[in-house]
Amino acid sequence: MRNQMRMKCALALAGASLLACGAWAQPTAKNDEAVKPPVRTAEVTAEVTAEVTTDGTLTVNGQAIAYTAVAGTLTVGGTEATDAELGLDGKLLPEYAATAPKDAKDAAPTARMFYVAYFKKGSAAEKRPVTFLYNGGPGSSTMWLHMGCFGPRRVVVPDTKHPEGAPYTVGNNEFSLLDASDLVFIDAPGTGFSRIFGKDAGKAFYGIDPDGMAFARFIRRFLTKYNRWDSPKYLMGESYGTPRSAVLSADLRGIDLNGVILLSTILSFDNSVDEPKLNPGVDQAYALALPTYAATAWYHHKLPNPPATLDALLPQVEEWALGEYMHALLEGAALPEAERQKVAEQLHNYTGLPVDYLLKSNLRVEGGAYSKMLLDATDTSTGRLDTRYTGPDYDPLSEQAQYDPQSNAVSSAYTAAINSYLRQTLKYGAEQTYKPNAYRDPDFNWKFRNSEGGQNVMPSLAHAMKANPEMHVLVAGGYYDLATPFFEGKFEMLHLPIPNDLQKNIEYHYYPAGHMIYVNDGALRQFHSDVAGFIQRTEDGGATK
């Protein structure tokens, strides 16, 4: 249950909860792959829609951009050995076809990964940056980044409110990143139009290391198919896509990335404020979430003595969180009663929660409990992905919020937008089912290194940064995000096991929005500017000093 609660996609139709526990470690070659001959893949796994190419235009920052869109699939193997048997068309190379099993269900696992690539016309492909984008979950499609953030078309939903029903507003995206980079939106195996095949396919792709390696194989095939090996290369993941990027950056051996863009970041799940009580003795999640609690209380006018601006509030909360508050948490039962009372009163000043409640909770308030309690007098819960959103309690007597008002508010619009856009505009997938997520698939059982332990992929990102000291990282997030609190992401970056001089390769950008910062037009405008500038500074192989 713990895994299930913490692994739901930040923006899935079914869930308000995000991310799962387990441990990611630096990928290593599997011994069984080295000694066992591969099971041959089947020659035909399923009918595949041919690639579809369309043309479009849009305007970004006053610049007219003509582009070509390619919607299609690339097939990757579940192991390096299986992958080596496949041509770019997804079929077995001739030398392996003769020994392939006749029945696809007996074949070695493969994944047919769906993508939409956007190429700016008139640019020299070999020098044009290319950015690979994906959402997380694990088990989510990439319809969120595609239709809300940097794709050429964008669904517009009212910020902080539940929109009316269809028809939804979809139009040209003036904040698309196509002015700075070609874009490749990738649906993870089992999501969107991506599908998995073969024996034990779920085990081959639904897990920490298999997922990272599948994306690495996809990227290598894409670079070959479109002759982009010499292009500046970037990864951009949101939510669970950020730990995927950490692992993927290390898996892409022999490929020096120019940059990695982490949106709504979590790399160590010990820092998640979703259910820290299940990990007693590790208290820093409460401290790292406190600035988000304070921002939320400030937004909803629940602070006893609110400053005029959020910028005036957050630095003092961050300092107190890592100082007096963290000290009190580390004291545990040894904390003197007078000090406990003092800390509870200051927590009240920063969270808006009653002192008695804070004392009863032992100074430790989980994210779901905060979402439920802040507006408890009105039987209203705040959002998790974006705490500016509110909704009526399902059960006024519950201890924690039982759903996410933000997820409920936007999911239908995004699902409708991606289904209409792919079929009507890109002319792809007319008779296929687009799967927003893979959570309900019978073989979706995400594999973690530890079934109940904390997952930490910070070593993978650190490995990539040390292996390639010219790789740069942009960390972005929203002040009102309780799924991946902004202060948590910054804390993790400052604790990467890298030489101190590599810290200069990391830059931070935070916005007055939630997990999906792009729901807010002003935040998306600034985010586009920040990411475009990041690419322009690093596409020549290093940031401007």
Protein backbone atom coordinates (compact mmCIF):
# COMPACT_ATOMS: atom_id res chain seq x y z
CA MET A 1 0.00 0.00 0.00
CA ARG A 2 2.81 2.39 0.77
CA ASN A 3 4.29 1.87 -2.66
CA GLN A 4 0.92 2.29 -4.31
CA MET A 5 0.18 5.54 -2.51
CA ARG A 6 3.56 7.08 -3.29
CA MET A 7 3.99 5.98 -6.87
CA LYS A 8 0.87 7.44 -8.51
CA CYS A 9 1.62 10.00 -11.15
CA ALA A 10 1.49 13.59 -10.11
CA LEU A 11 -0.99 14.27 -12.86
CA ALA A 12 -2.75 10.98 -13.48
CA LEU A 13 -6.48 10.72 -14.01
CA ALA A 14 -6.73 8.28 -11.16
CA GLY A 15 -4.53 9.82 -8.52
CA ALA A 16 -3.49 12.69 -6.37
CA SER A 17 -0.42 11.03 -4.99
CA LEU A 18 3.07 10.85 -6.52
CA LEU A 19 6.22 8.80 -6.53
CA ALA A 20 7.19 5.58 -4.87
CA CYS A 21 9.80 4.26 -2.56
CA GLY A 22 12.67 1.95 -3.44
CA ALA A 23 16.30 2.58 -4.26
CA TRP A 24 18.00 3.41 -7.52
CA ALA A 25 21.66 2.70 -7.81
CA GLN A 26 24.24 3.19 -10.50
CA PRO A 27 23.22 0.77 -13.29
CA THR A 28 25.46 -2.21 -13.85
CA ALA A 29 25.47 -4.95 -16.45
CA LYS A 30 23.27 -7.88 -15.52
CA ASN A 31 25.20 -11.10 -15.02
CA ASP A 32 22.48 -13.22 -16.59
CA GLU A 33 22.60 -11.13 -19.76
CA ALA A 34 26.31 -11.80 -20.01
CA VAL A 35 26.10 -15.58 -19.80
CA LYS A 36 22.72 -16.54 -21.26
CA PRO A 37 21.96 -16.44 -24.99
CA PRO A 38 19.10 -14.04 -25.68
CA VAL A 39 15.64 -15.38 -26.42
CA ARG A 40 14.91 -14.34 -29.98
CA THR A 41 12.32 -11.65 -30.47
CA ALA A 42 9.32 -12.45 -32.59
CA GLU A 43 9.32 -11.17 -36.15
CA VAL A 44 5.90 -9.56 -35.76
CA THR A 45 4.62 -8.29 -32.41
CA ALA A 46 1.65 -6.19 -33.51
CA GLU A 47 0.46 -3.94 -36.25
CA VAL A 48 2.29 -0.63 -36.12
CA THR A 49 0.90 2.62 -37.50
CA ALA A 50 3.35 4.05 -39.99
CA GLU A 51 5.07 7.30 -39.15
CA VAL A 52 2.99 10.34 -40.00
CA THR A 53 4.56 13.66 -40.94
CA THR A 54 2.71 16.96 -40.83
CA ASP A 55 3.72 20.61 -41.06
CA GLY A 56 2.82 23.53 -38.85
CA THR A 57 3.67 27.08 -37.92
CA LEU A 58 3.53 29.08 -34.69
CA THR A 59 4.88 32.31 -33.28
CA VAL A 60 7.12 32.48 -30.21
CA ASN A 61 8.34 35.84 -28.91
CA GLY A 62 7.35 37.45 -32.18
CA GLN A 63 9.35 34.89 -34.18
CA ALA A 64 7.43 32.88 -36.79
CA ILE A 65 8.53 29.25 -36.67
CA ALA A 66 7.77 26.73 -39.39
CA TYR A 67 8.18 23.15 -38.23
CA THR A 68 7.72 19.53 -39.21
CA ALA A 69 6.03 17.14 -36.77
CA VAL A 70 6.74 13.41 -36.92
CA ALA A 71 4.52 11.03 -34.91
CA GLY A 72 5.72 7.45 -34.79
CA THR A 73 7.27 4.66 -32.76
CA LEU A 74 10.69 3.17 -32.16
CA THR A 75 10.98 -0.39 -30.88
CA VAL A 76 13.57 -1.19 -28.20
CA GLY A 77 14.59 -4.45 -26.63
CA GLY A 78 14.21 -5.35 -22.98
CA THR A 79 17.94 -6.11 -22.79
CA GLU A 80 20.99 -4.92 -24.65
CA ALA A 81 21.26 -8.30 -26.38
CA THR A 82 17.65 -8.22 -27.57
CA ASP A 83 17.95 -4.61 -28.65
CA ALA A 84 20.97 -5.43 -30.80
CA GLU A 85 18.83 -7.83 -32.85
CA LEU A 86 16.40 -5.12 -33.96
CA GLY A 87 16.66 -2.79 -36.92
CA LEU A 88 15.41 0.78 -36.83
CA ASP A 89 12.12 -0.44 -38.28
CA GLY A 90 11.56 -2.59 -35.17
CA LYS A 91 11.91 -5.83 -37.08
CA LEU A 92 14.52 -8.51 -36.54
CA LEU A 93 17.70 -8.13 -38.50
CA PRO A 94 17.90 -10.87 -41.16
CA GLU A 95 20.57 -12.87 -39.35
CA TYR A 96 18.25 -13.37 -36.36
CA ALA A 97 14.92 -13.89 -38.11
CA ALA A 98 15.38 -17.60 -38.81
CA THR A 99 15.55 -18.53 -35.12
CA ALA A 100 12.73 -16.26 -33.92
CA PRO A 101 9.84 -17.91 -32.08
CA LYS A 102 6.66 -18.17 -34.08
CA ASP A 103 4.46 -16.91 -31.27
CA ALA A 104 5.01 -13.36 -30.04
CA LYS A 105 4.03 -14.28 -26.49
CA ASP A 106 7.11 -16.53 -26.29
CA ALA A 107 9.46 -13.85 -27.58
CA ALA A 108 11.94 -11.80 -25.65
CA PRO A 109 10.31 -8.60 -24.41
CA THR A 110 10.28 -5.46 -26.52
CA ALA A 111 8.68 -2.05 -26.15
CA ARG A 112 7.24 -0.01 -28.97
CA MET A 113 7.75 3.55 -27.72
CA PHE A 114 5.58 6.31 -29.15
CA TYR A 115 7.00 9.76 -29.73
CA VAL A 116 6.18 13.05 -31.39
CA ALA A 117 9.20 14.97 -32.67
CA TYR A 118 9.14 18.60 -33.76
CA PHE A 119 11.88 19.85 -36.09
CA LYS A 120 12.27 23.53 -36.91
CA LYS A 121 12.50 24.03 -40.64
CA GLY A 122 15.51 25.76 -42.13
CA SER A 123 17.91 24.83 -39.32
CA ALA A 124 21.09 22.81 -39.69
CA ALA A 125 20.05 19.58 -38.00
CA GLU A 126 23.54 18.56 -36.92
CA LYS A 127 23.98 21.76 -34.86
CA ARG A 128 20.40 22.30 -33.74
CA PRO A 129 19.75 21.41 -30.05
CA VAL A 130 17.37 18.52 -29.42
CA THR A 131 15.51 18.06 -26.13
CA PHE A 132 13.91 14.78 -25.00
CA LEU A 133 10.89 15.37 -22.76
CA TYR A 134 8.84 13.02 -20.58
CA ASN A 135 6.55 12.97 -17.58
CA GLY A 136 6.91 10.49 -14.78
CA GLY A 137 4.50 8.66 -12.52
CA PRO A 138 6.04 6.12 -12.80
CA GLY A 139 3.46 4.97 -15.29
CA SER A 140 2.33 8.29 -16.77
CA SER A 141 2.19 9.34 -20.39
CA THR A 142 3.76 12.63 -21.46
CA MET A 143 0.51 14.38 -22.38
CA TRP A 144 1.12 16.95 -19.60
CA LEU A 145 4.37 18.43 -20.89
CA HIS A 146 3.24 17.94 -24.49
CA MET A 147 -0.11 19.71 -24.25
CA GLY A 148 0.60 22.09 -21.36
CA CYS A 149 4.19 23.22 -21.44
CA PHE A 150 6.49 23.28 -24.48
CA GLY A 151 4.63 21.64 -27.37
CA PRO A 152 3.44 23.82 -30.27
CA ARG A 153 -0.20 23.46 -29.18
CA ARG A 154 -1.43 24.05 -25.63
CA VAL A 155 -4.64 23.41 -23.72
CA VAL A 156 -5.55 26.44 -21.62
CA VAL A 157 -7.25 25.85 -18.27
CA PRO A 158 -8.16 28.50 -15.69
CA ASP A 159 -5.44 28.85 -13.06
CA THR A 160 -6.57 27.57 -9.60
CA LYS A 161 -10.09 26.71 -10.79
CA HIS A 162 -11.89 23.66 -12.15
CA PRO A 163 -12.75 24.46 -15.79
CA GLU A 164 -16.14 23.94 -17.34
CA GLY A 165 -16.56 20.81 -19.41
CA ALA A 166 -15.70 20.34 -23.08
CA PRO A 167 -15.08 21.88 -25.49
CA TYR A 168 -11.75 23.00 -24.07
CA THR A 169 -9.57 25.80 -25.40
CA VAL A 170 -6.57 24.51 -27.38
CA GLY A 171 -4.47 26.91 -29.41
CA ASN A 172 -0.97 27.75 -30.61
CA ASN A 173 1.50 27.82 -27.74
CA GLU A 174 3.37 31.12 -27.67
CA PHE A 175 5.62 29.62 -24.99
CA SER A 176 6.75 26.58 -26.99
CA LEU A 177 10.46 25.79 -26.70
CA LEU A 178 10.75 25.32 -30.47
CA ASP A 179 12.50 28.67 -30.73
CA ALA A 180 15.48 27.23 -28.83
CA SER A 181 15.45 23.48 -29.52
CA ASP A 182 13.89 20.67 -31.52
CA LEU A 183 11.59 18.69 -29.24
CA VAL A 184 10.91 14.97 -28.77
CA PHE A 185 8.01 14.03 -26.47
CA ILE A 186 8.27 10.37 -25.41
CA ASP A 187 5.57 8.17 -23.89
CA ALA A 188 7.00 5.60 -21.47
CA PRO A 189 6.43 1.91 -22.24
CA GLY A 190 2.82 0.97 -21.58
CA THR A 191 1.53 4.55 -21.71
CA GLY A 192 0.07 6.73 -24.45
CA PHE A 193 0.44 4.80 -27.71
CA SER A 194 3.51 2.94 -26.37
CA ARG A 195 3.07 -0.81 -25.89
CA ILE A 196 5.08 -3.70 -24.48
CA PHE A 197 5.28 -7.23 -25.92
CA GLY A 198 6.81 -10.61 -25.21
CA LYS A 199 7.35 -12.90 -22.29
CA ASP A 200 7.44 -11.15 -18.90
CA ALA A 201 7.34 -7.78 -20.64
CA GLY A 202 6.15 -6.02 -17.50
CA LYS A 203 9.24 -7.14 -15.60
CA ALA A 204 11.44 -6.04 -18.49
CA PHE A 205 10.20 -2.42 -18.57
CA TYR A 206 8.36 -1.57 -15.35
CA GLY A 207 11.16 -0.80 -12.96
CA ILE A 208 13.89 1.62 -12.07
CA ASP A 209 16.76 0.27 -14.12
CA PRO A 210 14.71 -1.27 -16.98
CA ASP A 211 12.91 2.04 -17.47
CA GLY A 212 16.13 4.03 -17.62
CA MET A 213 17.71 1.61 -20.07
CA ALA A 214 14.59 1.61 -22.30
CA PHE A 215 14.78 5.39 -22.59
CA ALA A 216 18.52 5.20 -23.26
CA ARG A 217 17.95 2.71 -26.08
CA PHE A 218 15.19 4.89 -27.49
CA ILE A 219 17.42 7.97 -27.52
CA ARG A 220 20.26 6.11 -29.23
CA ARG A 221 17.90 4.84 -31.91
CA PHE A 222 16.41 8.29 -32.39
CA LEU A 223 19.84 9.90 -32.81
CA THR A 224 20.68 7.31 -35.44
CA LYS A 225 17.37 7.47 -37.30
CA TYR A 226 17.41 11.26 -37.59
CA ASN A 227 21.18 11.77 -37.81
CA ARG A 228 21.33 13.84 -34.63
CA TRP A 229 24.41 12.40 -32.97
CA ASP A 230 26.28 15.69 -33.21
CA SER A 231 23.38 17.84 -32.00
CA PRO A 232 23.50 19.47 -28.53
CA LYS A 233 21.41 17.15 -26.35
CA TYR A 234 19.14 17.81 -23.38
CA LEU A 235 16.88 15.81 -21.11
CA MET A 236 13.78 17.31 -19.52
CA GLY A 237 11.76 15.31 -17.02
CA GLU A 238 8.93 16.39 -14.76
CA SER A 239 8.10 14.86 -11.38
CA TYR A 240 9.11 11.17 -11.49
CA GLY A 241 10.76 12.15 -14.76
CA THR A 242 13.44 13.84 -12.62
CA PRO A 243 14.73 10.60 -11.05
CA ARG A 244 14.42 9.04 -14.51
CA SER A 245 16.68 11.82 -15.83
CA ALA A 246 19.21 11.18 -13.08
CA VAL A 247 19.44 7.49 -13.97
CA LEU A 248 19.19 8.11 -17.71
CA SER A 249 22.02 10.65 -17.64
CA ALA A 250 24.24 7.91 -16.22
CA ASP A 251 22.87 5.22 -18.57
CA LEU A 252 23.71 7.22 -21.68
CA ARG A 253 27.32 6.13 -21.62
CA GLY A 254 29.31 7.60 -24.47
CA ILE A 255 26.85 10.49 -24.87
CA ASP A 256 27.83 13.74 -23.20
CA LEU A 257 24.65 15.65 -22.48
CA ASN A 258 24.79 19.42 -22.68
CA GLY A 259 22.15 19.80 -20.03
CA VAL A 260 19.46 18.27 -17.84
CA ILE A 261 16.29 20.16 -16.94
CA LEU A 262 14.60 18.96 -13.74
CA LEU A 263 11.05 20.21 -13.23
CA SER A 264 9.39 19.52 -9.85
CA THR A 265 12.31 17.55 -8.50
CA ILE A 266 12.69 14.63 -6.13
CA LEU A 267 15.75 12.39 -6.21
CA SER A 268 15.71 10.97 -2.67
CA PHE A 269 12.37 9.61 -1.51
CA ASP A 270 13.38 9.84 2.12
CA ASN A 271 12.64 13.53 1.59
CA SER A 272 9.03 12.98 0.50
CA VAL A 273 6.47 14.52 2.85
CA ASP A 274 3.75 12.13 1.63
CA GLU A 275 4.19 9.48 4.30
CA PRO A 276 7.31 10.19 6.39
CA LYS A 277 5.70 8.60 9.44
CA LEU A 278 6.33 5.25 7.75
CA ASN A 279 10.03 6.05 7.89
CA PRO A 280 10.46 7.00 11.58
CA GLY A 281 13.75 8.54 12.61
CA VAL A 282 14.24 10.29 9.26
CA ASP A 283 12.71 13.69 9.98
CA GLN A 284 14.12 16.05 7.39
CA ALA A 285 11.06 15.68 5.11
CA TYR A 286 9.05 17.74 7.59
CA ALA A 287 11.63 20.53 7.57
CA LEU A 288 11.99 20.54 3.78
CA ALA A 289 8.22 20.84 3.31
CA LEU A 290 7.85 23.70 5.78
CA PRO A 291 8.54 26.53 3.27
CA THR A 292 5.75 25.12 1.06
CA TYR A 293 3.41 24.99 4.06
CA ALA A 294 4.28 28.63 4.77
CA ALA A 295 3.74 29.67 1.15
CA THR A 296 0.37 27.89 1.17
CA ALA A 297 -0.77 29.51 4.41
CA TRP A 298 0.35 32.89 3.08
CA TYR A 299 -1.61 32.38 -0.15
CA HIS A 300 -4.79 31.41 1.73
CA HIS A 301 -4.39 34.25 4.29
CA LYS A 302 -3.91 31.90 7.23
CA LEU A 303 -0.67 33.29 8.67
CA PRO A 304 -1.03 35.17 11.98
CA ASN A 305 1.43 37.89 10.94
CA PRO A 306 1.85 37.68 7.18
CA PRO A 307 4.56 39.67 5.40
CA ALA A 308 3.60 41.69 2.35
CA THR A 309 5.31 39.36 -0.12
CA LEU A 310 6.22 35.72 -0.43
CA ASP A 311 9.82 36.71 -1.10
CA ALA A 312 9.98 38.31 2.33
CA LEU A 313 8.63 35.17 4.01
CA LEU A 314 10.46 32.21 2.49
CA PRO A 315 14.11 32.97 3.38
CA GLN A 316 13.32 33.24 7.11
CA VAL A 317 11.26 30.03 6.99
CA GLU A 318 14.05 28.14 5.22
CA GLU A 319 16.61 29.30 7.78
CA TRP A 320 14.41 28.35 10.73
CA ALA A 321 13.45 25.00 9.15
CA LEU A 322 17.07 23.83 8.88
CA GLY A 323 18.04 25.40 12.19
CA GLU A 324 15.82 25.43 15.26
CA TYR A 325 13.09 23.24 13.76
CA MET A 326 15.41 20.53 12.48
CA HIS A 327 17.27 20.55 15.79
CA ALA A 328 14.00 19.98 17.63
CA LEU A 329 13.06 17.09 15.35
CA LEU A 330 16.44 15.46 15.83
CA GLU A 331 16.06 15.69 19.61
CA GLY A 332 13.06 13.38 19.44
CA ALA A 333 11.72 12.42 22.87
CA ALA A 334 14.64 14.21 24.53
CA LEU A 335 13.30 17.61 23.48
CA PRO A 336 12.46 19.63 26.64
CA GLU A 337 8.78 20.47 27.04
CA ALA A 338 9.37 24.22 27.13
CA GLU A 339 11.27 24.04 23.83
CA ARG A 340 8.56 21.83 22.32
CA GLN A 341 5.99 24.48 23.17
CA LYS A 342 8.18 27.23 21.68
CA VAL A 343 8.68 25.30 18.44
CA ALA A 344 4.95 24.57 18.17
CA GLU A 345 4.16 28.26 18.49
CA GLN A 346 6.61 29.18 15.76
CA LEU A 347 5.24 26.39 13.58
CA HIS A 348 1.83 27.97 14.07
CA ASN A 349 3.25 31.27 12.84
CA TYR A 350 4.59 29.60 9.69
CA THR A 351 1.82 27.06 8.96
CA GLY A 352 -1.38 28.61 10.27
CA LEU A 353 -2.26 25.36 12.05
CA PRO A 354 -3.42 25.44 15.70
CA VAL A 355 -0.73 25.04 18.37
CA ASP A 356 -2.68 22.22 20.06
CA TYR A 357 -2.81 20.28 16.79
CA LEU A 358 0.91 20.77 16.22
CA LEU A 359 1.71 19.50 19.73
CA LYS A 360 -0.61 16.51 19.28
CA SER A 361 1.14 15.69 15.98
CA ASN A 362 4.50 15.75 17.77
CA LEU A 363 5.59 18.73 15.62
CA ARG A 364 5.40 16.51 12.53
CA VAL A 365 2.69 17.17 9.93
CA GLU A 366 2.50 15.08 6.76
CA GLY A 367 1.55 16.66 3.46
CA GLY A 368 -1.87 15.04 3.28
CA ALA A 369 -2.67 16.12 6.83
CA TYR A 370 -1.66 19.70 6.05
CA SER A 371 -3.86 19.77 2.95
CA LYS A 372 -6.79 18.60 5.09
CA MET A 373 -6.22 20.77 8.16
CA LEU A 374 -5.36 24.23 6.83
CA LEU A 375 -8.96 25.01 5.77
CA ASP A 376 -10.57 22.46 8.08
CA ALA A 377 -13.07 24.96 9.48
CA THR A 378 -14.68 25.18 6.04
CA ASP A 379 -14.62 21.42 5.32
CA THR A 380 -12.27 22.18 2.43
CA SER A 381 -8.96 20.61 1.40
CA THR A 382 -6.15 22.28 -0.47
CA GLY A 383 -4.44 20.68 -3.44
CA ARG A 384 -1.36 18.51 -3.26
CA LEU A 385 0.10 19.16 -6.68
CA ASP A 386 -0.84 22.81 -6.33
CA THR A 387 -1.94 24.03 -2.92
CA ARG A 388 -3.62 27.10 -4.39
CA TYR A 389 -6.46 24.83 -5.54
CA THR A 390 -9.22 23.90 -3.09
CA GLY A 391 -12.12 21.46 -3.05
CA PRO A 392 -14.78 20.16 -0.66
CA ASP A 393 -13.71 17.37 1.68
CA TYR A 394 -14.89 13.91 0.74
CA ASP A 395 -15.03 13.15 4.45
CA PRO A 396 -14.87 16.11 6.87
CA LEU A 397 -13.75 13.71 9.63
CA SER A 398 -10.77 12.28 7.77
CA GLU A 399 -7.23 12.86 9.06
CA GLN A 400 -5.81 13.59 5.60
CA ALA A 401 -7.02 14.92 2.27
CA GLN A 402 -8.58 12.09 0.27
CA TYR A 403 -8.09 13.49 -3.23
CA ASP A 404 -6.25 16.26 -5.05
CA PRO A 405 -8.44 19.15 -6.26
CA GLN A 406 -5.76 20.26 -8.74
CA SER A 407 -5.52 16.84 -10.38
CA ASN A 408 -9.30 16.66 -10.66
CA ALA A 409 -9.40 20.14 -12.13
CA VAL A 410 -7.07 19.64 -15.09
CA SER A 411 -7.01 15.95 -16.00
CA SER A 412 -10.09 15.83 -18.21
CA ALA A 413 -8.97 18.82 -20.25
CA TYR A 414 -5.51 17.35 -20.89
CA THR A 415 -6.93 13.93 -21.78
CA ALA A 416 -9.37 15.43 -24.26
CA ALA A 417 -6.70 17.70 -25.73
CA ILE A 418 -4.11 15.00 -26.42
CA ASN A 419 -6.69 12.62 -27.94
CA SER A 420 -8.07 15.29 -30.27
CA TYR A 421 -4.69 16.74 -31.20
CA LEU A 422 -2.97 13.45 -32.08
CA ARG A 423 -5.83 12.26 -34.28
CA GLN A 424 -7.11 15.45 -35.84
CA THR A 425 -3.94 17.53 -36.21
CA LEU A 426 -1.12 14.97 -36.35
CA LYS A 427 -3.31 12.36 -38.12
CA TYR A 428 -1.99 9.56 -35.93
CA GLY A 429 -3.66 6.74 -33.97
CA ALA A 430 -7.20 6.97 -35.33
CA GLU A 431 -8.14 3.50 -34.10
CA GLN A 432 -5.73 3.19 -31.17
CA THR A 433 -6.37 3.82 -27.49
CA TYR A 434 -4.24 6.55 -25.94
CA LYS A 435 -3.50 5.52 -22.36
CA PRO A 436 -2.93 8.46 -19.98
CA ASN A 437 -1.30 6.02 -17.59
CA ALA A 438 -0.43 2.37 -17.07
CA TYR A 439 -1.40 2.00 -13.41
CA ARG A 440 -4.31 -0.35 -13.96
CA ASP A 441 -2.46 -2.67 -16.31
CA PRO A 442 -2.34 -6.15 -14.74
CA ASP A 443 1.42 -6.43 -15.26
CA PHE A 444 2.22 -2.94 -13.95
CA ASN A 445 4.18 -3.66 -10.79
CA TRP A 446 7.05 -1.19 -10.56
CA LYS A 447 10.29 -2.80 -9.46
CA PHE A 448 12.38 -1.00 -6.88
CA ARG A 449 15.71 -2.00 -5.43
CA ASN A 450 14.11 -2.15 -1.97
CA SER A 451 10.44 -3.00 -1.72
CA GLU A 452 9.79 -0.59 1.15
CA GLY A 453 12.99 1.41 1.51
CA GLY A 454 13.87 4.91 0.45
CA GLN A 455 14.86 5.48 -3.15
CA ASN A 456 17.82 7.78 -3.74
CA VAL A 457 19.14 8.47 -7.24
CA MET A 458 21.36 11.36 -6.27
CA PRO A 459 24.46 9.17 -6.84
CA SER A 460 23.39 8.59 -10.47
CA LEU A 461 23.17 12.31 -11.26
CA ALA A 462 26.41 12.91 -9.40
CA HIS A 463 28.09 10.17 -11.44
CA ALA A 464 26.94 11.78 -14.69
CA MET A 465 28.14 15.22 -13.59
CA LYS A 466 31.55 13.92 -12.57
CA ALA A 467 31.89 11.87 -15.75
CA ASN A 468 31.00 14.95 -17.80
CA PRO A 469 32.01 18.11 -15.89
CA GLU A 470 30.60 20.26 -18.72
CA MET A 471 27.05 18.99 -18.22
CA HIS A 472 24.77 21.62 -16.68
CA VAL A 473 21.59 21.21 -14.65
CA LEU A 474 18.56 23.51 -14.40
CA VAL A 475 16.32 22.88 -11.39
CA ALA A 476 12.81 24.37 -11.50
CA GLY A 477 9.70 24.13 -9.39
CA GLY A 478 6.68 25.82 -7.87
CA TYR A 479 6.35 27.33 -4.41
CA TYR A 480 2.91 25.70 -3.97
CA ASP A 481 3.92 22.12 -4.81
CA LEU A 482 3.48 19.61 -1.97
CA ALA A 483 4.20 16.58 -4.17
CA THR A 484 7.84 17.64 -4.68
CA PRO A 485 8.43 20.67 -2.42
CA PHE A 486 10.79 23.22 -3.97
CA PHE A 487 13.07 23.40 -0.91
CA GLU A 488 13.51 19.64 -1.03
CA GLY A 489 14.82 19.82 -4.60
CA LYS A 490 17.31 22.52 -3.69
CA PHE A 491 18.42 20.59 -0.61
CA GLU A 492 19.15 17.52 -2.71
CA MET A 493 21.20 19.45 -5.25
CA LEU A 494 23.28 21.01 -2.45
CA HIS A 495 23.96 17.52 -1.09
CA LEU A 496 24.98 15.80 -4.33
CA PRO A 497 28.23 13.87 -3.83
CA ILE A 498 30.15 16.04 -6.31
CA PRO A 499 33.16 18.35 -5.97
CA ASN A 500 32.10 21.78 -4.78
CA ASP A 501 33.30 23.43 -7.97
CA LEU A 502 30.66 21.47 -9.93
CA GLN A 503 27.91 23.19 -7.95
CA LYS A 504 28.37 26.15 -10.31
CA ASN A 505 26.87 23.92 -13.04
CA ILE A 506 23.50 23.95 -11.25
CA GLU A 507 21.00 26.80 -11.48
CA TYR A 508 17.66 27.24 -9.75
CA HIS A 509 14.37 28.79 -10.85
CA TYR A 510 11.18 28.84 -8.79
CA TYR A 511 7.76 30.25 -9.61
CA PRO A 512 4.48 31.25 -7.88
CA ALA A 513 2.74 28.09 -9.08
CA GLY A 514 2.45 24.42 -8.18
CA HIS A 515 3.76 21.10 -9.51
CA MET A 516 2.54 21.94 -13.02
CA ILE A 517 4.03 25.41 -13.13
CA TYR A 518 2.84 25.76 -16.73
CA VAL A 519 -0.82 25.97 -15.70
CA ASN A 520 0.03 29.55 -14.71
CA ASP A 521 0.65 31.68 -17.81
CA GLY A 522 3.04 34.05 -16.06
CA ALA A 523 5.09 31.19 -14.64
CA LEU A 524 5.22 29.45 -18.02
CA ARG A 525 6.34 32.64 -19.73
CA GLN A 526 9.25 32.99 -17.29
CA PHE A 527 10.03 29.27 -17.39
CA HIS A 528 10.29 29.38 -21.17
CA SER A 529 12.67 32.31 -20.92
CA ASP A 530 14.78 30.54 -18.30
CA VAL A 531 15.00 27.23 -20.20
CA ALA A 532 15.62 28.88 -23.58
CA GLY A 533 18.42 30.93 -22.01
CA PHE A 534 19.86 27.80 -20.39
CA ILE A 535 19.98 26.02 -23.75
CA GLN A 536 21.47 29.00 -25.54
CA ARG A 537 24.24 29.29 -22.93
CA THR A 538 25.11 25.60 -22.98
CA GLU A 539 24.53 24.42 -26.56
CA ASP A 540 28.16 25.17 -27.50
CA GLY A 541 29.34 22.62 -24.92
CA GLY A 542 29.51 24.77 -21.82
CA ALA A 543 27.76 27.60 -20.04
CA THR A 544 28.94 31.16 -20.42
CA LYS A 545 31.36 31.79 -17.63
